[in-house]
C-alpha atoms as a PDB file:
ATOM      1  CA  MET A   1       0.038   0.009  -0.020  1.00  0.00           C
ATOM      2  CA  LYS A   2       1.311   3.356  -0.961  1.00  0.00           C
ATOM      3  CA  MET A   3       1.779   5.530   2.254  1.00  0.00           C
ATOM      4  CA  LEU A   4       0.722   9.139   2.418  1.00  0.00           C
ATOM      5  CA  LYS A   5       3.886  11.288   2.148  1.00  0.00           C
ATOM      6  CA  PHE A   6       3.549  13.899   4.750  1.00  0.00           C
ATOM      7  CA  ALA A   7       7.249  14.909   5.215  1.00  0.00           C
ATOM      8  CA  VAL A   8       7.308  14.168   8.839  1.00  0.00           C
ATOM      9  CA  PRO A   9      10.968  12.799   9.114  1.00  0.00           C
ATOM     10  CA  GLY A  10      12.215  15.081   6.830  1.00  0.00           C
ATOM     11  CA  LEU A  11      10.850  18.120   8.798  1.00  0.00           C
ATOM     12  CA  ALA A  12      12.484  16.680  11.877  1.00  0.00           C
ATOM     13  CA  VAL A  13      15.887  16.226  10.181  1.00  0.00           C
ATOM     14  CA  ALA A  14      15.809  19.557   8.634  1.00  0.00           C
ATOM     15  CA  ALA A  15      14.604  21.234  12.035  1.00  0.00           C
ATOM     16  CA  LEU A  16      17.544  19.575  13.707  1.00  0.00           C
ATOM     17  CA  ALA A  17      20.281  20.033  10.981  1.00  0.00           C
ATOM     18  CA  ALA A  18      21.769  22.898  12.906  1.00  0.00           C
ATOM     19  CA  GLY A  19      22.065  21.122  16.075  1.00  0.00           C
ATOM     20  CA  ALA A  20      23.733  18.117  17.294  1.00  0.00           C
ATOM     21  CA  ALA A  21      26.762  18.389  15.425  1.00  0.00           C
ATOM     22  CA  PRO A  22      28.763  15.468  14.624  1.00  0.00           C
ATOM     23  CA  VAL A  23      30.967  14.289  17.426  1.00  0.00           C
ATOM     24  CA  ALA A  24      34.484  13.338  17.267  1.00  0.00           C
ATOM     25  CA  VAL A  25      36.341  11.729  20.004  1.00  0.00           C
ATOM     26  CA  ASN A  26      38.951   9.103  20.507  1.00  0.00           C
ATOM     27  CA  ALA A  27      36.816   6.060  21.070  1.00  0.00           C
ATOM     28  CA  ALA A  28      35.967   2.985  19.107  1.00  0.00           C
ATOM     29  CA  GLU A  29      32.825   3.119  16.957  1.00  0.00           C
ATOM     30  CA  VAL A  30      29.964   1.071  18.411  1.00  0.00           C
ATOM     31  CA  THR A  31      27.288  -0.541  16.187  1.00  0.00           C
ATOM     32  CA  LEU A  32      23.924  -0.741  17.943  1.00  0.00           C
ATOM     33  CA  ARG A  33      21.436  -3.459  16.626  1.00  0.00           C
ATOM     34  CA  GLY A  34      18.140  -1.360  16.189  1.00  0.00           C
ATOM     35  CA  ALA A  35      14.428  -2.363  15.647  1.00  0.00           C
ATOM     36  CA  SER A  36      11.212  -0.517  15.099  1.00  0.00           C
ATOM     37  CA  CYS A  37       7.942  -1.475  16.541  1.00  0.00           C
ATOM     38  CA  PHE A  38       6.160  -0.376  13.252  1.00  0.00           C
ATOM     39  CA  PRO A  39       6.669  -1.588   9.569  1.00  0.00           C
ATOM     40  CA  ILE A  40       9.665   0.169   7.724  1.00  0.00           C
ATOM     41  CA  GLY A  41       8.409   2.801   5.615  1.00  0.00           C
ATOM     42  CA  SER A  42       4.976   3.161   7.341  1.00  0.00           C
ATOM     43  CA  PRO A  43       4.118   6.562   8.719  1.00  0.00           C
ATOM     44  CA  PRO A  44       4.435   5.592  12.353  1.00  0.00           C
ATOM     45  CA  GLY A  45       7.975   4.147  11.487  1.00  0.00           C
ATOM     46  CA  ARG A  46       9.263   7.031   9.558  1.00  0.00           C
ATOM     47  CA  PRO A  47      10.363   9.297  12.607  1.00  0.00           C
ATOM     48  CA  PHE A  48      12.521   6.448  14.136  1.00  0.00           C
ATOM     49  CA  GLU A  49      14.121   5.774  10.603  1.00  0.00           C
ATOM     50  CA  ALA A  50      14.830   9.330  10.502  1.00  0.00           C
ATOM     51  CA  LEU A  51      16.255   9.588  13.878  1.00  0.00           C
ATOM     52  CA  VAL A  52      18.659   6.379  12.807  1.00  0.00           C
ATOM     53  CA  LYS A  53      19.698   8.118   9.584  1.00  0.00           C
ATOM     54  CA  GLU A  54      20.727  11.228  11.220  1.00  0.00           C
ATOM     55  CA  MET A  55      22.449   9.310  13.982  1.00  0.00           C
ATOM     56  CA  ASN A  56      24.424   7.461  11.412  1.00  0.00           C
ATOM     57  CA  ALA A  57      25.234  10.479   9.471  1.00  0.00           C
ATOM     58  CA  LYS A  58      26.522  12.437  12.719  1.00  0.00           C
ATOM     59  CA  GLY A  59      27.860   9.574  14.560  1.00  0.00           C
ATOM     60  CA  LYS A  60      30.495   8.195  12.334  1.00  0.00           C
ATOM     61  CA  GLY A  61      33.454   7.097  14.492  1.00  0.00           C
ATOM     62  CA  VAL A  62      31.292   7.076  17.504  1.00  0.00           C
ATOM     63  CA  VAL A  63      27.891   5.434  17.030  1.00  0.00           C
ATOM     64  CA  GLN A  64      26.184   3.812  14.246  1.00  0.00           C
ATOM     65  CA  VAL A  65      22.746   1.894  14.350  1.00  0.00           C
ATOM     66  CA  ASN A  66      21.961  -1.112  12.069  1.00  0.00           C
ATOM     67  CA  LEU A  67      18.228  -1.021  11.801  1.00  0.00           C
ATOM     68  CA  LEU A  68      17.337  -4.707  11.429  1.00  0.00           C
ATOM     69  CA  GLY A  69      13.711  -4.245  10.647  1.00  0.00           C
ATOM     70  CA  GLY A  70      10.306  -3.520  11.860  1.00  0.00           C
ATOM     71  CA  ALA A  71       7.323  -5.154  13.298  1.00  0.00           C
ATOM     72  CA  PRO A  72       5.520  -7.336  12.531  1.00  0.00           C
ATOM     73  CA  ALA A  73       7.967  -8.635  10.014  1.00  0.00           C
ATOM     74  CA  ILE A  74      10.475  -9.303  12.627  1.00  0.00           C
ATOM     75  CA  GLY A  75       7.909 -10.293  15.209  1.00  0.00           C
ATOM     76  CA  SER A  76       5.064  -8.935  17.101  1.00  0.00           C
ATOM     77  CA  PRO A  77       5.461  -5.318  18.192  1.00  0.00           C
ATOM     78  CA  PHE A  78       4.029  -6.358  21.520  1.00  0.00           C
ATOM     79  CA  THR A  79       7.126  -8.405  22.411  1.00  0.00           C
ATOM     80  CA  LEU A  80       9.772  -6.232  20.662  1.00  0.00           C
ATOM     81  CA  THR A  81      10.919  -4.553  23.886  1.00  0.00           C
ATOM     82  CA  GLN A  82      10.497  -7.547  25.814  1.00  0.00           C
ATOM     83  CA  ARG A  83      13.064  -9.161  23.419  1.00  0.00           C
ATOM     84  CA  MET A  84      15.340  -6.355  23.600  1.00  0.00           C
ATOM     85  CA  ALA A  85      15.421  -6.358  27.414  1.00  0.00           C
ATOM     86  CA  LYS A  86      16.759  -9.947  27.116  1.00  0.00           C
ATOM     87  CA  GLY A  87      19.380  -8.907  24.408  1.00  0.00           C
ATOM     88  CA  ALA A  88      17.850  -9.567  21.048  1.00  0.00           C
ATOM     89  CA  TYR A  89      18.270  -5.897  20.133  1.00  0.00           C
ATOM     90  CA  ASP A  90      20.248  -2.996  21.422  1.00  0.00           C
ATOM     91  CA  MET A  91      17.858  -0.186  20.559  1.00  0.00           C
ATOM     92  CA  VAL A  92      14.062   0.093  19.980  1.00  0.00           C
ATOM     93  CA  GLY A  93      11.972   2.862  18.513  1.00  0.00           C
ATOM     94  CA  CYS A  94       8.460   2.152  19.956  1.00  0.00           C
ATOM     95  CA  THR A  95       5.213   3.526  21.272  1.00  0.00           C
ATOM     96  CA  GLU A  96       4.470   2.909  25.024  1.00  0.00           C
ATOM     97  CA  ALA A  97       1.563   0.867  23.911  1.00  0.00           C
ATOM     98  CA  TYR A  98       3.711  -1.887  22.962  1.00  0.00           C
ATOM     99  CA  PHE A  99       5.916  -2.108  26.029  1.00  0.00           C
ATOM    100  CA  GLY A 100       2.982  -1.786  28.452  1.00  0.00           C
ATOM    101  CA  ASN A 101       3.617  -5.631  29.072  1.00  0.00           C
ATOM    102  CA  VAL A 102       7.041  -4.859  30.381  1.00  0.00           C
ATOM    103  CA  LEU A 103       6.497  -1.857  32.167  1.00  0.00           C
ATOM    104  CA  PRO A 104       2.806  -1.554  33.919  1.00  0.00           C
ATOM    105  CA  GLU A 105       3.231   2.151  34.472  1.00  0.00           C
ATOM    106  CA  ALA A 106       4.069   2.645  30.574  1.00  0.00           C
ATOM    107  CA  PRO A 107       0.682   4.256  29.921  1.00  0.00           C
ATOM    108  CA  VAL A 108       1.465   7.406  31.881  1.00  0.00           C
ATOM    109  CA  LEU A 109       3.669   8.318  28.812  1.00  0.00           C
ATOM    110  CA  ARG A 110       0.560   9.144  26.823  1.00  0.00           C
ATOM    111  CA  LEU A 111      -1.365  10.762  29.758  1.00  0.00           C
ATOM    112  CA  GLN A 112       0.947  13.594  30.323  1.00  0.00           C
ATOM    113  CA  GLU A 113      -0.637  17.191  30.685  1.00  0.00           C
ATOM    114  CA  TYR A 114       2.823  19.004  30.583  1.00  0.00           C
ATOM    115  CA  ASP A 115       5.257  19.337  27.722  1.00  0.00           C
ATOM    116  CA  PHE A 116       8.345  17.000  27.911  1.00  0.00           C
ATOM    117  CA  ALA A 117      10.779  19.769  29.309  1.00  0.00           C
ATOM    118  CA  THR A 118       8.447  20.234  32.194  1.00  0.00           C
ATOM    119  CA  LEU A 119       7.844  16.664  32.758  1.00  0.00           C
ATOM    120  CA  ARG A 120      11.679  16.304  33.168  1.00  0.00           C
ATOM    121  CA  LYS A 121      11.811  19.311  35.435  1.00  0.00           C
ATOM    122  CA  ARG A 122       9.165  17.876  37.651  1.00  0.00           C
ATOM    123  CA  GLY A 123      11.037  14.447  37.848  1.00  0.00           C
ATOM    124  CA  ALA A 124       8.180  12.431  35.937  1.00  0.00           C
ATOM    125  CA  ILE A 125      10.692  11.311  33.350  1.00  0.00           C
ATOM    126  CA  ALA A 126      13.333  10.279  35.919  1.00  0.00           C
ATOM    127  CA  TYR A 127      10.802   8.291  37.845  1.00  0.00           C
ATOM    128  CA  VAL A 128       9.647   6.286  34.728  1.00  0.00           C
ATOM    129  CA  SER A 129      13.295   5.886  33.793  1.00  0.00           C
ATOM    130  CA  LYS A 130      13.989   4.363  37.226  1.00  0.00           C
ATOM    131  CA  LEU A 131      11.197   1.700  36.676  1.00  0.00           C
ATOM    132  CA  LEU A 132      12.422   1.037  33.185  1.00  0.00           C
ATOM    133  CA  ALA A 133      15.887   0.498  34.446  1.00  0.00           C
ATOM    134  CA  ALA A 134      14.827  -2.206  36.707  1.00  0.00           C
ATOM    135  CA  LYS A 135      13.443  -4.060  33.599  1.00  0.00           C
ATOM    136  CA  ASN A 136      16.999  -3.736  31.947  1.00  0.00           C
ATOM    137  CA  LEU A 137      15.637  -0.887  29.857  1.00  0.00           C
ATOM    138  CA  HIS A 138      17.350   2.639  29.603  1.00  0.00           C
ATOM    139  CA  TYR A 139      14.850   5.488  28.425  1.00  0.00           C
ATOM    140  CA  VAL A 140      16.486   8.032  26.240  1.00  0.00           C
ATOM    141  CA  GLY A 141      13.717  10.111  25.276  1.00  0.00           C
ATOM    142  CA  ARG A 142      10.757  10.814  23.159  1.00  0.00           C
ATOM    143  CA  TYR A 143      11.767  11.399  19.640  1.00  0.00           C
ATOM    144  CA  TRP A 144       8.440  12.135  18.044  1.00  0.00           C
ATOM    145  CA  ASP A 145       4.865  13.052  18.875  1.00  0.00           C
ATOM    146  CA  TYR A 146       1.844  12.350  16.469  1.00  0.00           C
ATOM    147  CA  GLY A 147      -0.549  14.639  18.669  1.00  0.00           C
ATOM    148  CA  THR A 148      -3.865  13.091  19.896  1.00  0.00           C
ATOM    149  CA  PHE A 149      -5.623   9.798  19.149  1.00  0.00           C
ATOM    150  CA  HIS A 150      -8.968   9.585  17.550  1.00  0.00           C
ATOM    151  CA  LEU A 151     -11.616   7.154  16.870  1.00  0.00           C
ATOM    152  CA  PHE A 152     -12.193   6.546  13.088  1.00  0.00           C
ATOM    153  CA  LEU A 153     -15.483   4.826  11.907  1.00  0.00           C
ATOM    154  CA  SER A 154     -17.142   3.501   8.973  1.00  0.00           C
ATOM    155  CA  LYS A 155     -20.622   4.560  10.253  1.00  0.00           C
ATOM    156  CA  PRO A 156     -21.796   7.612  12.088  1.00  0.00           C
ATOM    157  CA  ILE A 157     -22.506   7.941  15.873  1.00  0.00           C
ATOM    158  CA  THR A 158     -24.512  10.676  17.531  1.00  0.00           C
ATOM    159  CA  GLY A 159     -22.869  10.751  20.848  1.00  0.00           C
ATOM    160  CA  PRO A 160     -20.411   8.917  23.083  1.00  0.00           C
ATOM    161  CA  ASP A 161     -22.364   5.841  23.417  1.00  0.00           C
ATOM    162  CA  LEU A 162     -20.189   3.061  21.601  1.00  0.00           C
ATOM    163  CA  LYS A 163     -22.592   0.180  22.186  1.00  0.00           C
ATOM    164  CA  GLY A 164     -23.006  -1.872  19.228  1.00  0.00           C
ATOM    165  CA  LEU A 165     -19.745  -1.044  17.771  1.00  0.00           C
ATOM    166  CA  HIS A 166     -17.054  -3.679  17.319  1.00  0.00           C
ATOM    167  CA  LEU A 167     -13.642  -1.690  17.173  1.00  0.00           C
ATOM    168  CA  ARG A 168     -10.135  -2.559  16.446  1.00  0.00           C
ATOM    169  CA  VAL A 169      -7.937  -1.629  19.477  1.00  0.00           C
ATOM    170  CA  ALA A 170      -4.501  -1.242  20.824  1.00  0.00           C
ATOM    171  CA  PRO A 171      -3.759  -1.390  24.524  1.00  0.00           C
ATOM    172  CA  VAL A 172      -3.657   2.589  24.439  1.00  0.00           C
ATOM    173  CA  TYR A 173      -7.648   2.866  24.249  1.00  0.00           C
ATOM    174  CA  THR A 174      -9.028  -0.558  25.071  1.00  0.00           C
ATOM    175  CA  ALA A 175     -10.294   0.458  28.581  1.00  0.00           C
ATOM    176  CA  PHE A 176     -11.708   3.835  27.157  1.00  0.00           C
ATOM    177  CA  PHE A 177     -13.740   2.226  24.265  1.00  0.00           C
ATOM    178  CA  LYS A 178     -14.891  -0.462  26.494  1.00  0.00           C
ATOM    179  CA  ALA A 179     -16.069   1.869  29.164  1.00  0.00           C
ATOM    180  CA  LEU A 180     -18.418   3.404  26.481  1.00  0.00           C
ATOM    181  CA  GLY A 181     -19.755   0.208  25.589  1.00  0.00           C
ATOM    182  CA  ALA A 182     -17.831  -1.085  22.510  1.00  0.00           C
ATOM    183  CA  THR A 183     -16.896  -4.692  21.945  1.00  0.00           C
ATOM    184  CA  VAL A 184     -13.100  -4.646  20.976  1.00  0.00           C
ATOM    185  CA  GLN A 185     -10.598  -6.788  19.152  1.00  0.00           C
ATOM    186  CA  LEU A 186      -6.867  -6.278  19.479  1.00  0.00           C
ATOM    187  CA  ALA A 187      -4.998  -6.371  16.206  1.00  0.00           C
ATOM    188  CA  ALA A 188      -1.791  -4.979  14.531  1.00  0.00           C
ATOM    189  CA  MET A 189      -1.596  -2.063  12.322  1.00  0.00           C
ATOM    190  CA  PRO A 190      -1.299  -3.952   8.944  1.00  0.00           C
ATOM    191  CA  LYS A 191      -4.754  -5.653   9.879  1.00  0.00           C
ATOM    192  CA  ILE A 192      -6.855  -2.548  10.029  1.00  0.00           C
ATOM    193  CA  TYR A 193      -7.687  -2.303   6.433  1.00  0.00           C
ATOM    194  CA  THR A 194      -8.662  -5.873   5.999  1.00  0.00           C
ATOM    195  CA  LEU A 195     -10.739  -5.674   9.195  1.00  0.00           C
ATOM    196  CA  MET A 196     -12.616  -2.602   8.230  1.00  0.00           C
ATOM    197  CA  GLU A 197     -13.215  -3.695   4.506  1.00  0.00           C
ATOM    198  CA  SER A 198     -14.766  -6.727   5.624  1.00  0.00           C
ATOM    199  CA  ASN A 199     -16.892  -4.937   8.376  1.00  0.00           C
ATOM    200  CA  THR A 200     -15.421  -7.322  11.053  1.00  0.00           C
ATOM    201  CA  VAL A 201     -14.850  -3.935  12.731  1.00  0.00           C
ATOM    202  CA  GLN A 202     -16.548  -0.607  12.228  1.00  0.00           C
ATOM    203  CA  GLY A 203     -13.891   1.620  13.701  1.00  0.00           C
ATOM    204  CA  PHE A 204     -10.380   1.861  15.097  1.00  0.00           C
ATOM    205  CA  GLY A 205      -8.184   4.227  17.107  1.00  0.00           C
ATOM    206  CA  TRP A 206      -5.063   5.949  15.610  1.00  0.00           C
ATOM    207  CA  PRO A 207      -3.403   9.373  15.736  1.00  0.00           C
ATOM    208  CA  ALA A 208      -4.771  11.999  13.199  1.00  0.00           C
ATOM    209  CA  VAL A 209      -1.468  12.487  11.908  1.00  0.00           C
ATOM    210  CA  GLY A 210       0.588   9.584  10.892  1.00  0.00           C
ATOM    211  CA  TRP A 211      -2.002   7.809   8.998  1.00  0.00           C
ATOM    212  CA  ASN A 212      -2.202   5.287   6.172  1.00  0.00           C
ATOM    213  CA  PRO A 213      -3.940   6.768   3.306  1.00  0.00           C
ATOM    214  CA  ALA A 214      -5.340   3.320   2.187  1.00  0.00           C
ATOM    215  CA  TRP A 215      -7.654   3.517   5.169  1.00  0.00           C
ATOM    216  CA  ALA A 216      -9.638   6.324   3.576  1.00  0.00           C
ATOM    217  CA  LYS A 217     -11.414   3.802   1.343  1.00  0.00           C
ATOM    218  CA  VAL A 218     -12.880   2.078   4.291  1.00  0.00           C
ATOM    219  CA  THR A 219     -13.276   5.138   6.601  1.00  0.00           C
ATOM    220  CA  LYS A 220     -16.013   7.674   6.643  1.00  0.00           C
ATOM    221  CA  TYR A 221     -15.733   9.669   9.967  1.00  0.00           C
ATOM    222  CA  ARG A 222     -13.248  11.034  12.308  1.00  0.00           C
ATOM    223  CA  VAL A 223     -14.488  11.726  16.101  1.00  0.00           C
ATOM    224  CA  ASP A 224     -13.258  14.875  17.862  1.00  0.00           C
ATOM    225  CA  PRO A 225     -11.856  15.816  20.189  1.00  0.00           C
ATOM    226  CA  GLY A 226      -8.640  13.763  20.284  1.00  0.00           C
ATOM    227  CA  PHE A 227      -7.604  12.128  23.409  1.00  0.00           C
ATOM    228  CA  TYR A 228      -4.136  11.049  24.903  1.00  0.00           C
ATOM    229  CA  ASN A 229      -0.878  11.573  23.062  1.00  0.00           C
ATOM    230  CA  ALA A 230       0.693   9.327  20.570  1.00  0.00           C
ATOM    231  CA  SER A 231       4.253   9.630  21.433  1.00  0.00           C
ATOM    232  CA  LEU A 232       7.375   7.532  20.026  1.00  0.00           C
ATOM    233  CA  HIS A 233      10.208   6.643  22.420  1.00  0.00           C
ATOM    234  CA  LEU A 234      13.860   5.524  22.267  1.00  0.00           C
ATOM    235  CA  LEU A 235      14.850   2.675  24.709  1.00  0.00           C
ATOM    236  CA  VAL A 236      18.098   1.019  24.850  1.00  0.00           C
ATOM    237  CA  ASN A 237      19.126  -2.288  26.537  1.00  0.00           C
ATOM    238  CA  ASN A 238      20.256  -1.321  29.878  1.00  0.00           C
ATOM    239  CA  ARG A 239      23.262  -3.322  30.025  1.00  0.00           C
ATOM    240  CA  LYS A 240      24.444  -2.162  26.651  1.00  0.00           C
ATOM    241  CA  TRP A 241      23.808   1.271  27.626  1.00  0.00           C
ATOM    242  CA  LYS A 242      26.134   1.030  30.442  1.00  0.00           C
ATOM    243  CA  SER A 243      28.728  -0.520  28.278  1.00  0.00           C
ATOM    244  CA  LEU A 244      28.874   2.730  26.100  1.00  0.00           C
ATOM    245  CA  SER A 245      31.296   5.393  26.636  1.00  0.00           C
ATOM    246  CA  ASP A 246      30.374   8.655  28.119  1.00  0.00           C
ATOM    247  CA  ALA A 247      30.774  10.213  24.766  1.00  0.00           C
ATOM    248  CA  GLN A 248      28.727   7.688  23.099  1.00  0.00           C
ATOM    249  CA  ARG A 249      25.843   7.882  25.648  1.00  0.00           C
ATOM    250  CA  LYS A 250      26.004  11.846  25.309  1.00  0.00           C
ATOM    251  CA  PHE A 251      25.910  11.576  21.605  1.00  0.00           C
ATOM    252  CA  ILE A 252      22.593   9.483  21.620  1.00  0.00           C
ATOM    253  CA  THR A 253      21.073  11.599  24.418  1.00  0.00           C
ATOM    254  CA  ASP A 254      21.843  14.979  22.815  1.00  0.00           C
ATOM    255  CA  LEU A 255      20.384  13.807  19.585  1.00  0.00           C
ATOM    256  CA  THR A 256      17.334  12.260  20.873  1.00  0.00           C
ATOM    257  CA  LEU A 257      16.463  15.414  23.367  1.00  0.00           C
ATOM    258  CA  ALA A 258      16.858  17.560  20.389  1.00  0.00           C
ATOM    259  CA  HIS A 259      14.224  15.604  18.496  1.00  0.00           C
ATOM    260  CA  GLU A 260      12.145  15.475  21.677  1.00  0.00           C
ATOM    261  CA  SER A 261      12.168  19.441  21.838  1.00  0.00           C
ATOM    262  CA  ALA A 262      11.346  19.731  18.214  1.00  0.00           C
ATOM    263  CA  ALA A 263       8.419  17.360  18.427  1.00  0.00           C
ATOM    264  CA  GLU A 264       6.174  19.480  20.822  1.00  0.00           C
ATOM    265  CA  THR A 265       2.699  19.550  19.215  1.00  0.00           C
ATOM    266  CA  THR A 266       2.449  23.244  20.191  1.00  0.00           C
ATOM    267  CA  LYS A 267       5.199  24.262  17.876  1.00  0.00           C
ATOM    268  CA  PRO A 268       4.503  25.697  14.357  1.00  0.00           C
ATOM    269  CA  ARG A 269       6.012  22.796  12.745  1.00  0.00           C
ATOM    270  CA  PHE A 270       3.579  20.221  14.015  1.00  0.00           C
ATOM    271  CA  GLN A 271       0.691  22.457  13.730  1.00  0.00           C
ATOM    272  CA  ALA A 272       1.317  23.054   9.827  1.00  0.00           C
ATOM    273  CA  LEU A 273       1.404  19.438   9.502  1.00  0.00           C
ATOM    274  CA  ARG A 274      -1.894  18.798  11.319  1.00  0.00           C
ATOM    275  CA  LYS A 275      -3.390  21.632   9.157  1.00  0.00           C
ATOM    276  CA  LYS A 276      -2.142  19.717   5.974  1.00  0.00           C
ATOM    277  CA  THR A 277      -3.462  16.474   7.431  1.00  0.00           C
ATOM    278  CA  MET A 278      -6.971  17.823   8.149  1.00  0.00           C
ATOM    279  CA  ALA A 279      -7.206  19.289   4.537  1.00  0.00           C
ATOM    280  CA  TRP A 280      -6.302  15.768   3.239  1.00  0.00           C
ATOM    281  CA  TYR A 281      -9.063  13.917   5.347  1.00  0.00           C
ATOM    282  CA  GLU A 282     -11.663  16.640   3.858  1.00  0.00           C
ATOM    283  CA  SER A 283     -10.339  16.025   0.361  1.00  0.00           C
ATOM    284  CA  LYS A 284     -11.113  12.262   0.674  1.00  0.00           C
ATOM    285  CA  GLY A 285     -14.596  12.919   2.138  1.00  0.00           C
ATOM    286  CA  ILE A 286     -13.890  11.890   5.600  1.00  0.00           C
ATOM    287  CA  LYS A 287     -16.285  13.788   7.916  1.00  0.00           C
ATOM    288  CA  THR A 288     -15.806  15.047  11.356  1.00  0.00           C
ATOM    289  CA  ILE A 289     -18.347  13.843  14.089  1.00  0.00           C
ATOM    290  CA  GLU A 290     -17.316  16.692  16.919  1.00  0.00           C
ATOM    291  CA  MET A 291     -18.532  15.881  20.523  1.00  0.00           C
ATOM    292  CA  LYS A 292     -19.819  19.182  22.203  1.00  0.00           C
ATOM    293  CA  GLY A 293     -20.977  20.148  25.605  1.00  0.00           C
ATOM    294  CA  ALA A 294     -21.788  17.353  27.827  1.00  0.00           C
ATOM    295  CA  ASP A 295     -21.191  14.877  25.196  1.00  0.00           C
ATOM    296  CA  ARG A 296     -17.571  16.375  24.949  1.00  0.00           C
ATOM    297  CA  GLU A 297     -17.039  16.201  28.693  1.00  0.00           C
ATOM    298  CA  LYS A 298     -18.132  12.681  29.116  1.00  0.00           C
ATOM    299  CA  TRP A 299     -15.881  11.608  25.966  1.00  0.00           C
ATOM    300  CA  LEU A 300     -12.898  13.079  27.585  1.00  0.00           C
ATOM    301  CA  GLY A 301     -13.633  12.452  31.064  1.00  0.00           C
ATOM    302  CA  THR A 302     -14.193   8.800  30.383  1.00  0.00           C
ATOM    303  CA  ALA A 303     -10.934   8.705  28.569  1.00  0.00           C
ATOM    304  CA  LYS A 304      -8.724  10.075  31.360  1.00  0.00           C
ATOM    305  CA  LYS A 305     -10.497   8.119  34.076  1.00  0.00           C
ATOM    306  CA  ALA A 306     -10.342   4.641  32.135  1.00  0.00           C
ATOM    307  CA  ALA A 307      -6.641   5.194  31.488  1.00  0.00           C
ATOM    308  CA  TRP A 308      -5.783   6.226  35.045  1.00  0.00           C
ATOM    309  CA  ASP A 309      -7.838   3.601  36.756  1.00  0.00           C
ATOM    310  CA  GLU A 310      -5.876   1.116  34.505  1.00  0.00           C
ATOM    311  CA  VAL A 311      -2.675   2.612  35.660  1.00  0.00           C
ATOM    312  CA  LEU A 312      -3.702   2.625  39.446  1.00  0.00           C
ATOM    313  CA  LYS A 313      -5.059  -0.993  39.170  1.00  0.00           C
ATOM    314  CA  ARG A 314      -1.842  -2.216  37.389  1.00  0.00           C
ATOM    315  CA  SER A 315       0.539  -0.357  39.856  1.00  0.00           C
ATOM    316  CA  PRO A 316      -0.947   0.706  43.200  1.00  0.00           C
ATOM    317  CA  GLU A 317       2.513   1.430  44.327  1.00  0.00           C
ATOM    318  CA  HIS A 318       3.631   4.042  41.627  1.00  0.00           C
ATOM    319  CA  GLY A 319       0.366   4.871  39.734  1.00  0.00           C
ATOM    320  CA  LYS A 320      -0.585   7.723  42.357  1.00  0.00           C
ATOM    321  CA  LYS A 321       2.749   9.414  42.387  1.00  0.00           C
ATOM    322  CA  LEU A 322       3.119   9.084  38.540  1.00  0.00           C
ATOM    323  CA  MET A 323      -0.590  10.771  38.438  1.00  0.00           C
ATOM    324  CA  GLU A 324       0.680  13.679  40.556  1.00  0.00           C
ATOM    325  CA  LEU A 325       3.917  14.049  38.372  1.00  0.00           C
ATOM    326  CA  PHE A 326       2.116  13.741  34.849  1.00  0.00           C
ATOM    327  CA  THR A 327      -1.134  15.519  35.240  1.00  0.00           C
ATOM    328  CA  LYS A 328      -2.419  18.992  36.427  1.00  0.00           C
END
């Protein structure tokens, strides 16, 4: 399937071209085995591919990344980070939805109500990093953000009641959709088109930006407002991270944090991309169903409550503190 060519990674690379200059140090170059939680070349996979490309261009003599492939071709995205923790890979680009089975508290990375710079100042990212380190994973940073998730449908709804709908889900919004009455089916990204085409499901959740254009053939509606944040994160096997030199760790960290800063959805670059994407939806005849008033409050309120109830149930020890750090 031909992918919609929004210049997401290109924008990221261009925005960072003036920063994170090549590093020259007296240390042996290390090659890290990288893997993506998304198909290579797909919209959600491109930002990691752009990060790897820039890392290889600027890290000659210091760090290189051999990108071995993306899920599901190299295995289930739900097991990729687990396998990296055991040493199958050194570095993974992934959404937290795919490593919640490693870290029960991972969903907090989509529930933040502050920008990432503020989260770091508040100690929120350090808290998550400590939890990940105990799982043999080092958290480097968020390298991209696709903005909010949305519900996309083949048939209209008149309010937040999702009873009677069978929806394709990822762990991100399973609890939310079920709380509003939907029945759900867990499936990887490549299966969405077939499930929608056959009417096995009548909708799916996905970020508004980072879409597969083929889905327009089976999608008629997008529900607003969006909910949660579709962030992508860079993780490294912790034992491998500790084996790197200070210069190598600094290079990876500095470059990733430059991407993290550039990824903020409040910045003009993302806003321009979202505007372009919305115009594309309109050109394809995908209509907007906008929740207003009490319906909007129920939609967003249920989304927040369902997600945090899940976090608190899975992690009573850390959930309350994380909620204090990540939300207002």
